[in-house]
Protein backbone atom coordinates (compact mmCIF):
# COMPACT_ATOMS: atom_id res chain seq x y z
CA MET A 1 -86.22 135.82 -143.16
CA SER A 2 -89.67 135.42 -143.89
CA THR A 3 -92.41 137.54 -142.47
CA SER A 4 -93.81 135.17 -140.48
CA SER A 5 -90.31 134.24 -139.11
CA PHE A 6 -89.68 137.75 -138.63
CA GLU A 7 -93.04 138.33 -136.78
CA GLN A 8 -91.92 135.44 -134.44
CA LEU A 9 -88.52 136.89 -133.60
CA ILE A 10 -90.06 140.25 -132.47
CA LEU A 11 -92.71 138.17 -130.28
CA GLN A 12 -90.04 136.16 -128.85
CA CYS A 13 -87.64 139.34 -128.11
CA ARG A 14 -90.48 140.90 -126.32
CA GLN A 15 -91.34 137.96 -124.11
CA ASN A 16 -87.55 137.67 -123.35
CA SER A 17 -86.83 141.25 -123.10
CA ASP A 18 -83.88 140.36 -124.93
CA PHE A 19 -83.53 142.57 -128.24
CA ALA A 20 -79.95 141.44 -129.20
CA PRO A 21 -81.47 138.74 -131.82
CA LEU A 22 -83.48 141.23 -133.47
CA LEU A 23 -80.55 143.66 -134.05
CA GLU A 24 -78.65 140.69 -135.47
CA SER A 25 -81.32 139.93 -137.62
CA ILE A 26 -81.00 143.74 -139.47
CA PRO A 27 -78.11 143.75 -141.71
CA TYR A 28 -77.50 147.45 -141.25
CA ALA A 29 -77.75 147.35 -137.57
CA ARG A 30 -75.27 144.35 -137.32
CA LEU A 31 -72.95 146.29 -139.94
CA ILE A 32 -72.21 149.50 -137.74
CA GLY A 33 -72.46 147.47 -134.51
CA MET A 34 -75.76 148.70 -132.80
CA ARG A 35 -76.50 147.52 -129.41
CA CYS A 36 -79.79 147.96 -127.29
CA LEU A 37 -79.64 148.40 -123.30
CA GLN A 38 -82.80 148.11 -121.76
CA LEU A 39 -83.08 149.86 -118.33
CA GLY A 40 -86.51 149.25 -116.63
CA GLU A 41 -88.84 150.82 -119.03
CA ASP A 42 -86.49 153.02 -120.90
CA VAL A 43 -84.28 151.75 -123.93
CA ILE A 44 -80.67 153.52 -124.70
CA PHE A 45 -79.57 152.43 -128.22
CA HIS A 46 -75.55 152.23 -128.36
CA LEU A 47 -73.65 152.86 -131.32
CA PRO A 48 -69.91 151.64 -130.23
CA ALA A 49 -67.05 153.48 -131.54
CA ALA A 50 -65.69 151.42 -134.81
CA ARG A 51 -63.15 152.60 -137.37
CA ASP A 52 -65.59 151.52 -140.31
CA ASN A 53 -68.06 154.35 -138.99
CA ILE A 54 -65.69 157.15 -139.50
CA GLY A 55 -66.32 159.71 -142.15
CA ASN A 56 -63.60 162.49 -141.62
CA PRO A 57 -60.04 160.68 -140.42
CA THR A 58 -58.44 164.13 -139.72
CA LEU A 59 -60.97 164.82 -136.80
CA PRO A 60 -61.71 161.54 -136.48
CA ALA A 61 -65.59 162.21 -136.63
CA LEU A 62 -68.13 159.50 -137.11
CA HIS A 63 -70.08 159.55 -140.95
CA GLY A 64 -73.25 161.85 -140.96
CA GLY A 65 -74.99 158.95 -142.65
CA VAL A 66 -73.62 156.43 -140.07
CA ILE A 67 -75.46 158.85 -137.22
CA ALA A 68 -78.36 159.35 -139.33
CA GLY A 69 -78.91 155.61 -139.94
CA PHE A 70 -78.37 154.99 -136.33
CA MET A 71 -80.77 157.10 -135.31
CA GLU A 72 -83.42 156.05 -138.10
CA HIS A 73 -82.77 152.33 -136.87
CA ALA A 74 -83.12 153.32 -133.28
CA ALA A 75 -86.75 154.98 -133.97
CA MET A 76 -88.22 151.92 -136.00
CA LEU A 77 -86.76 149.15 -133.16
CA HIS A 78 -88.23 151.49 -130.54
CA LEU A 79 -91.57 151.32 -132.40
CA LEU A 80 -91.10 147.64 -132.73
CA MET A 81 -90.16 146.83 -128.94
CA PHE A 82 -93.02 149.12 -127.48
CA MET A 83 -96.10 149.18 -130.17
CA ASP A 84 -98.32 146.23 -130.54
CA MET A 85 -97.08 145.22 -133.94
CA PRO A 86 -95.17 142.39 -135.09
CA HIS A 87 -94.24 144.19 -138.75
CA LEU A 88 -91.49 146.62 -139.68
CA PRO A 89 -92.96 150.13 -139.91
CA LYS A 90 -92.29 151.89 -142.84
CA ILE A 91 -90.44 155.08 -143.21
CA ILE A 92 -92.37 158.22 -144.54
CA ASP A 93 -90.28 161.04 -143.61
CA PHE A 94 -86.89 161.45 -141.83
CA SER A 95 -85.43 164.82 -140.97
CA ILE A 96 -81.98 165.48 -138.76
CA ASP A 97 -80.53 168.29 -137.09
CA TYR A 98 -76.64 167.94 -136.85
CA LEU A 99 -75.82 170.00 -133.69
CA ARG A 100 -72.12 168.76 -132.90
CA ALA A 101 -69.34 166.85 -134.62
CA GLY A 102 -69.72 163.01 -133.98
CA HIS A 103 -66.53 162.45 -132.56
CA PHE A 104 -64.45 158.76 -132.53
CA ARG A 105 -66.31 157.60 -129.37
CA ASP A 106 -69.43 155.78 -128.40
CA THR A 107 -72.90 157.15 -129.32
CA TYR A 108 -76.11 156.87 -127.65
CA ALA A 109 -79.99 157.53 -128.96
CA GLN A 110 -83.19 157.82 -127.21
CA CYS A 111 -86.33 157.66 -128.55
CA GLN A 112 -89.66 159.29 -127.43
CA VAL A 113 -93.09 158.68 -129.53
CA TRP A 114 -94.93 162.10 -129.85
CA ARG A 115 -98.11 160.98 -131.60
CA GLN A 116 -99.10 157.34 -132.39
CA GLY A 117 -102.16 157.25 -134.83
CA ARG A 118 -103.82 154.42 -136.47
CA ARG A 119 -101.87 154.84 -139.34
CA VAL A 120 -98.76 156.98 -138.65
CA THR A 121 -96.73 157.40 -135.72
CA ASN A 122 -94.19 160.57 -135.24
CA VAL A 123 -91.01 159.78 -133.21
CA ALA A 124 -88.46 162.25 -131.89
CA ILE A 125 -84.84 161.20 -131.40
CA SER A 126 -81.91 162.10 -129.72
CA ALA A 127 -78.43 161.13 -130.34
CA TRP A 128 -75.37 162.33 -127.80
CA GLN A 129 -72.06 160.99 -126.57
CA THR A 130 -70.83 162.32 -123.52
CA THR A 131 -73.72 164.01 -122.18
CA ARG A 132 -77.59 163.70 -122.87
CA GLY A 133 -77.94 167.35 -122.30
CA GLU A 134 -75.56 168.16 -125.26
CA PRO A 135 -76.73 166.07 -128.10
CA ILE A 136 -74.59 165.88 -131.17
CA ALA A 137 -78.11 165.19 -133.75
CA THR A 138 -81.56 165.38 -133.12
CA ALA A 139 -83.88 163.65 -135.48
CA ARG A 140 -87.91 163.47 -136.17
CA ALA A 141 -89.21 160.63 -138.02
CA HIS A 142 -92.83 159.63 -139.47
CA PHE A 143 -93.66 155.81 -140.01
CA LYS A 144 -96.45 154.16 -141.58
CA VAL A 145 -97.40 151.43 -139.21
CA ASP A 146 -100.77 150.11 -140.09
CA GLY A 147 -99.39 147.03 -141.92
CA ALA A 148 -100.93 147.65 -145.45
């Protein structure tokens, strides 16, 4: 997909308030089955339970890399949805804390922009399965957003 068509897709998704076409255009998001639930001004990212995302079949538990990838993509998509930039932000740093096992069930994530500068933006991400107050992982991501 060319840069101009990707920018057009982002603008179209914002106008329609439907980000499913954007998720479908990102190969990793499509691979893990990532979804987006828009609840008014809030957005919840959804990772449906899928056998392909299991890392430990004994428990069974989600692969830690799938959890991290889901959270990183959630942060990137959150910026695309709410910041006035039609290009992909570039990841600078990503740090994750695994707090509980990610069991074989639906997983959710929510993002919060902590600091938005002209060049760098900091995002906090929390992922949970049963209760938002009991996260399975938290993460911090720094993105370069100046487009250069």
